[in-house]
Amino acid sequence: MQETQVQNSGEEFGRTAVAEVLSKAHNYCDHETQRITLANNSKIAALRAELALLNEEDKKLQERLQHALPCRGPEGASPEGHLLLVGNGVSCRRGLFLFAPGV
């Protein structure tokens, strides 16, 4: 009888310990998921803001290209018949013509 009580007490202790470990592991995982989500949210917000700025810059450049005059280099018009933006300048097929930013 006493051996059965000891065995039951051991089983009870083991079950309680396992339940406690599982509860703490579950809480740890929840907190870690929340920490990662918060860290990612700030990065995602920053990247979305950067994307919005780049999209706006792209839109402005596309508008400038639509209004650009045909490219006339030393040898006449480029075969494409329009200006190409390259780095900080405007390029024809056979030459580079600088422009002032914001023009």
N, C-alpha and C. Protein backbone atom coordinates (compact mmCIF):
# COMPACT_ATOMS: atom_id res chain seq x y z
N MET A 1 0.82 -1.19 0.00
CA MET A 1 0.00 0.00 0.00
C MET A 1 0.86 1.26 0.00
N GLN A 2 1.89 1.26 0.85
CA GLN A 2 2.76 2.43 0.95
C GLN A 2 3.54 2.63 -0.36
N GLU A 3 3.94 1.54 -0.98
CA GLU A 3 4.68 1.60 -2.25
C GLU A 3 3.80 2.21 -3.34
N THR A 4 2.52 1.90 -3.34
CA THR A 4 1.58 2.45 -4.32
C THR A 4 1.42 3.94 -4.11
N GLN A 5 1.38 4.37 -2.85
CA GLN A 5 1.25 5.80 -2.55
C GLN A 5 2.50 6.56 -3.02
N VAL A 6 3.68 5.96 -2.83
CA VAL A 6 4.92 6.60 -3.27
C VAL A 6 4.93 6.68 -4.80
N GLN A 7 4.52 5.61 -5.45
CA GLN A 7 4.48 5.59 -6.90
C GLN A 7 3.50 6.63 -7.42
N ASN A 8 2.31 6.72 -6.81
CA ASN A 8 1.31 7.72 -7.21
C ASN A 8 1.84 9.13 -6.98
N SER A 9 2.53 9.35 -5.89
CA SER A 9 3.11 10.66 -5.60
C SER A 9 4.18 11.00 -6.63
N GLY A 10 4.98 10.00 -7.02
CA GLY A 10 6.01 10.22 -8.05
C GLY A 10 5.40 10.56 -9.40
N GLU A 11 4.35 9.83 -9.74
CA GLU A 11 3.65 10.11 -11.01
C GLU A 11 3.04 11.51 -10.98
N GLU A 12 2.44 11.86 -9.88
CA GLU A 12 1.83 13.19 -9.72
C GLU A 12 2.89 14.28 -9.86
N PHE A 13 4.02 14.07 -9.20
CA PHE A 13 5.13 15.02 -9.26
C PHE A 13 5.63 15.16 -10.71
N GLY A 14 5.78 14.03 -11.39
CA GLY A 14 6.25 14.03 -12.78
C GLY A 14 5.27 14.75 -13.70
N ARG A 15 4.00 14.47 -13.55
CA ARG A 15 2.99 15.13 -14.38
C ARG A 15 2.97 16.63 -14.14
N THR A 16 3.07 17.01 -12.87
CA THR A 16 3.09 18.43 -12.53
C THR A 16 4.32 19.11 -13.12
N ALA A 17 5.47 18.44 -13.05
CA ALA A 17 6.70 19.00 -13.60
C ALA A 17 6.62 19.16 -15.11
N VAL A 18 6.10 18.15 -15.79
CA VAL A 18 5.96 18.21 -17.25
C VAL A 18 4.99 19.31 -17.64
N ALA A 19 3.87 19.41 -16.93
CA ALA A 19 2.89 20.46 -17.22
C ALA A 19 3.52 21.84 -17.03
N GLU A 20 4.33 22.01 -16.00
CA GLU A 20 4.99 23.29 -15.74
C GLU A 20 6.00 23.62 -16.84
N VAL A 21 6.78 22.62 -17.24
CA VAL A 21 7.76 22.84 -18.32
C VAL A 21 7.04 23.21 -19.62
N LEU A 22 5.98 22.50 -19.95
CA LEU A 22 5.22 22.79 -21.17
C LEU A 22 4.61 24.19 -21.11
N SER A 23 4.09 24.57 -19.97
CA SER A 23 3.50 25.91 -19.82
C SER A 23 4.56 26.99 -20.01
N LYS A 24 5.74 26.81 -19.39
CA LYS A 24 6.81 27.80 -19.54
C LYS A 24 7.33 27.84 -20.97
N ALA A 25 7.44 26.69 -21.62
CA ALA A 25 7.89 26.65 -23.01
C ALA A 25 6.89 27.36 -23.92
N HIS A 26 5.61 27.13 -23.67
CA HIS A 26 4.56 27.79 -24.45
C HIS A 26 4.63 29.31 -24.26
N ASN A 27 4.77 29.76 -23.03
CA ASN A 27 4.89 31.19 -22.74
C ASN A 27 6.14 31.79 -23.39
N TYR A 28 7.25 31.06 -23.33
CA TYR A 28 8.49 31.53 -23.96
C TYR A 28 8.29 31.70 -25.46
N CYS A 29 7.68 30.70 -26.09
CA CYS A 29 7.44 30.77 -27.54
C CYS A 29 6.52 31.94 -27.89
N ASP A 30 5.49 32.16 -27.10
CA ASP A 30 4.59 33.29 -27.35
C ASP A 30 5.34 34.61 -27.26
N HIS A 31 6.16 34.77 -26.23
CA HIS A 31 6.92 36.01 -26.06
C HIS A 31 7.95 36.18 -27.18
N GLU A 32 8.59 35.11 -27.57
CA GLU A 32 9.59 35.19 -28.65
C GLU A 32 8.92 35.53 -29.98
N THR A 33 7.76 34.96 -30.24
CA THR A 33 7.00 35.29 -31.45
C THR A 33 6.63 36.77 -31.44
N GLN A 34 6.19 37.26 -30.31
CA GLN A 34 5.82 38.67 -30.18
C GLN A 34 7.04 39.57 -30.37
N ARG A 35 8.20 39.20 -29.82
CA ARG A 35 9.42 39.99 -29.96
C ARG A 35 9.85 40.06 -31.42
N ILE A 36 9.83 38.93 -32.11
CA ILE A 36 10.23 38.88 -33.51
C ILE A 36 9.27 39.71 -34.36
N THR A 37 7.98 39.59 -34.09
CA THR A 37 6.98 40.36 -34.83
C THR A 37 7.22 41.85 -34.67
N LEU A 38 7.45 42.30 -33.45
CA LEU A 38 7.70 43.73 -33.21
C LEU A 38 8.97 44.20 -33.91
N ALA A 39 10.01 43.39 -33.86
CA ALA A 39 11.27 43.74 -34.53
C ALA A 39 11.06 43.82 -36.04
N ASN A 40 10.34 42.88 -36.59
CA ASN A 40 10.08 42.86 -38.03
C ASN A 40 9.17 44.01 -38.47
N ASN A 41 8.20 44.36 -37.63
CA ASN A 41 7.27 45.43 -37.99
C ASN A 41 7.99 46.74 -38.23
N SER A 42 8.97 47.07 -37.40
CA SER A 42 9.69 48.32 -37.60
C SER A 42 10.53 48.27 -38.88
N LYS A 43 11.13 47.13 -39.16
CA LYS A 43 11.89 46.99 -40.41
C LYS A 43 10.97 47.07 -41.62
N ILE A 44 9.82 46.43 -41.54
CA ILE A 44 8.86 46.45 -42.64
C ILE A 44 8.37 47.88 -42.87
N ALA A 45 8.07 48.62 -41.80
CA ALA A 45 7.61 50.00 -41.94
C ALA A 45 8.68 50.86 -42.60
N ALA A 46 9.93 50.68 -42.21
CA ALA A 46 11.03 51.45 -42.81
C ALA A 46 11.18 51.12 -44.28
N LEU A 47 11.10 49.85 -44.64
CA LEU A 47 11.22 49.44 -46.04
C LEU A 47 10.04 49.95 -46.87
N ARG A 48 8.85 49.96 -46.29
CA ARG A 48 7.68 50.50 -47.02
C ARG A 48 7.84 51.99 -47.27
N ALA A 49 8.38 52.72 -46.28
CA ALA A 49 8.61 54.15 -46.46
C ALA A 49 9.65 54.38 -47.55
N GLU A 50 10.72 53.59 -47.55
CA GLU A 50 11.75 53.71 -48.58
C GLU A 50 11.17 53.38 -49.96
N LEU A 51 10.33 52.36 -50.03
CA LEU A 51 9.70 51.99 -51.29
C LEU A 51 8.81 53.12 -51.80
N ALA A 52 8.07 53.76 -50.92
CA ALA A 52 7.21 54.87 -51.33
C ALA A 52 8.05 56.01 -51.91
N LEU A 53 9.19 56.32 -51.28
CA LEU A 53 10.08 57.36 -51.79
C LEU A 53 10.64 56.98 -53.16
N LEU A 54 11.05 55.74 -53.30
CA LEU A 54 11.59 55.28 -54.58
C LEU A 54 10.53 55.28 -55.67
N ASN A 55 9.31 54.89 -55.32
CA ASN A 55 8.22 54.93 -56.30
C ASN A 55 7.93 56.35 -56.75
N GLU A 56 7.96 57.30 -55.80
CA GLU A 56 7.74 58.70 -56.14
C GLU A 56 8.85 59.22 -57.04
N GLU A 57 10.09 58.86 -56.73
CA GLU A 57 11.22 59.26 -57.57
C GLU A 57 11.09 58.66 -58.97
N ASP A 58 10.70 57.40 -59.04
CA ASP A 58 10.51 56.73 -60.33
C ASP A 58 9.42 57.44 -61.14
N LYS A 59 8.33 57.79 -60.48
CA LYS A 59 7.23 58.49 -61.15
C LYS A 59 7.71 59.82 -61.72
N LYS A 60 8.49 60.59 -60.93
CA LYS A 60 9.01 61.87 -61.40
C LYS A 60 9.95 61.68 -62.60
N LEU A 61 10.80 60.67 -62.53
CA LEU A 61 11.71 60.40 -63.64
C LEU A 61 10.96 59.98 -64.89
N GLN A 62 9.92 59.18 -64.73
CA GLN A 62 9.11 58.75 -65.87
C GLN A 62 8.42 59.96 -66.52
N GLU A 63 7.93 60.89 -65.68
CA GLU A 63 7.30 62.10 -66.21
C GLU A 63 8.33 62.94 -66.96
N ARG A 64 9.53 63.05 -66.42
CA ARG A 64 10.58 63.82 -67.10
C ARG A 64 10.93 63.20 -68.44
N LEU A 65 10.99 61.88 -68.47
CA LEU A 65 11.29 61.20 -69.73
C LEU A 65 10.20 61.44 -70.77
N GLN A 66 8.95 61.47 -70.34
CA GLN A 66 7.85 61.69 -71.27
C GLN A 66 7.91 63.09 -71.88
N HIS A 67 8.44 64.05 -71.12
CA HIS A 67 8.50 65.43 -71.60
C HIS A 67 9.86 65.78 -72.20
N ALA A 68 10.78 64.84 -72.24
CA ALA A 68 12.13 65.12 -72.74
C ALA A 68 12.10 65.33 -74.25
N LEU A 69 12.95 66.24 -74.71
CA LEU A 69 13.11 66.48 -76.14
C LEU A 69 13.93 65.35 -76.75
N PRO A 70 13.79 65.14 -78.05
CA PRO A 70 14.63 64.13 -78.70
C PRO A 70 16.10 64.48 -78.48
N CYS A 71 16.90 63.48 -78.34
CA CYS A 71 18.32 63.67 -78.07
C CYS A 71 19.03 64.07 -79.36
N ARG A 72 19.77 65.17 -79.29
CA ARG A 72 20.56 65.64 -80.42
C ARG A 72 22.00 65.74 -79.96
N GLY A 73 22.79 64.78 -80.36
CA GLY A 73 24.21 64.80 -80.03
C GLY A 73 25.00 65.41 -81.17
N PRO A 74 26.30 65.31 -81.11
CA PRO A 74 27.13 65.87 -82.17
C PRO A 74 26.83 65.29 -83.54
N GLU A 75 26.32 64.07 -83.57
CA GLU A 75 26.07 63.41 -84.85
C GLU A 75 24.58 63.34 -85.18
N GLY A 76 23.76 64.11 -84.53
CA GLY A 76 22.33 64.12 -84.84
C GLY A 76 21.53 63.37 -83.79
N ALA A 77 20.31 63.04 -84.13
CA ALA A 77 19.40 62.39 -83.19
C ALA A 77 19.84 60.96 -82.91
N SER A 78 19.56 60.51 -81.70
CA SER A 78 19.86 59.12 -81.37
C SER A 78 18.86 58.22 -82.08
N PRO A 79 19.24 56.98 -82.34
CA PRO A 79 18.31 56.07 -83.02
C PRO A 79 17.01 55.89 -82.23
N GLU A 80 17.10 55.99 -80.89
CA GLU A 80 15.90 55.81 -80.09
C GLU A 80 15.01 57.04 -80.13
N GLY A 81 15.59 58.22 -80.42
CA GLY A 81 14.82 59.44 -80.52
C GLY A 81 14.38 60.04 -79.19
N HIS A 82 14.96 59.61 -78.07
CA HIS A 82 14.60 60.19 -76.78
C HIS A 82 15.81 60.15 -75.85
N LEU A 83 15.69 60.84 -74.75
CA LEU A 83 16.76 60.90 -73.77
C LEU A 83 16.69 59.71 -72.84
N LEU A 84 17.82 59.29 -72.35
CA LEU A 84 17.90 58.22 -71.35
C LEU A 84 18.58 58.78 -70.12
N LEU A 85 18.00 58.58 -68.96
CA LEU A 85 18.62 59.01 -67.72
C LEU A 85 19.66 57.99 -67.30
N VAL A 86 20.87 58.46 -67.06
CA VAL A 86 21.96 57.57 -66.65
C VAL A 86 22.66 58.23 -65.47
N GLY A 87 22.57 57.62 -64.30
CA GLY A 87 23.22 58.18 -63.12
C GLY A 87 22.72 59.59 -62.86
N ASN A 88 23.63 60.55 -62.86
CA ASN A 88 23.27 61.95 -62.64
C ASN A 88 23.22 62.73 -63.94
N GLY A 89 23.09 62.06 -65.06
CA GLY A 89 23.07 62.75 -66.33
C GLY A 89 22.05 62.18 -67.28
N VAL A 90 21.98 62.78 -68.44
CA VAL A 90 21.09 62.30 -69.49
C VAL A 90 22.00 61.82 -70.61
N SER A 91 21.72 60.66 -71.13
CA SER A 91 22.62 60.07 -72.10
C SER A 91 21.92 59.83 -73.42
N CYS A 92 22.62 60.18 -74.50
CA CYS A 92 22.23 59.73 -75.82
C CYS A 92 23.08 58.50 -76.11
N ARG A 93 22.86 57.92 -77.23
CA ARG A 93 23.63 56.73 -77.55
C ARG A 93 25.11 57.05 -77.68
N ARG A 94 25.45 58.23 -78.19
CA ARG A 94 26.85 58.55 -78.47
C ARG A 94 27.40 59.67 -77.58
N GLY A 95 26.74 60.02 -76.51
CA GLY A 95 27.29 61.09 -75.68
C GLY A 95 26.56 61.22 -74.36
N LEU A 96 27.15 61.94 -73.45
CA LEU A 96 26.55 62.17 -72.13
C LEU A 96 26.35 63.65 -71.96
N PHE A 97 25.14 64.06 -71.67
CA PHE A 97 24.80 65.45 -71.47
C PHE A 97 24.30 65.62 -70.05
N LEU A 98 24.99 66.41 -69.25
CA LEU A 98 24.62 66.60 -67.86
C LEU A 98 23.42 67.53 -67.76
N PHE A 99 22.65 67.36 -66.74
CA PHE A 99 21.52 68.25 -66.49
C PHE A 99 21.53 68.63 -65.03
N ALA A 100 20.90 69.73 -64.72
CA ALA A 100 20.82 70.20 -63.34
C ALA A 100 19.69 69.44 -62.65
N PRO A 101 19.94 68.90 -61.43
CA PRO A 101 18.87 68.19 -60.71
C PRO A 101 17.64 69.09 -60.52
N GLY A 102 16.49 68.52 -60.66
CA GLY A 102 15.26 69.25 -60.46
C GLY A 102 14.78 70.01 -61.68
N VAL A 103 15.53 69.92 -62.79
CA VAL A 103 15.14 70.63 -64.01
C VAL A 103 14.15 69.79 -64.77
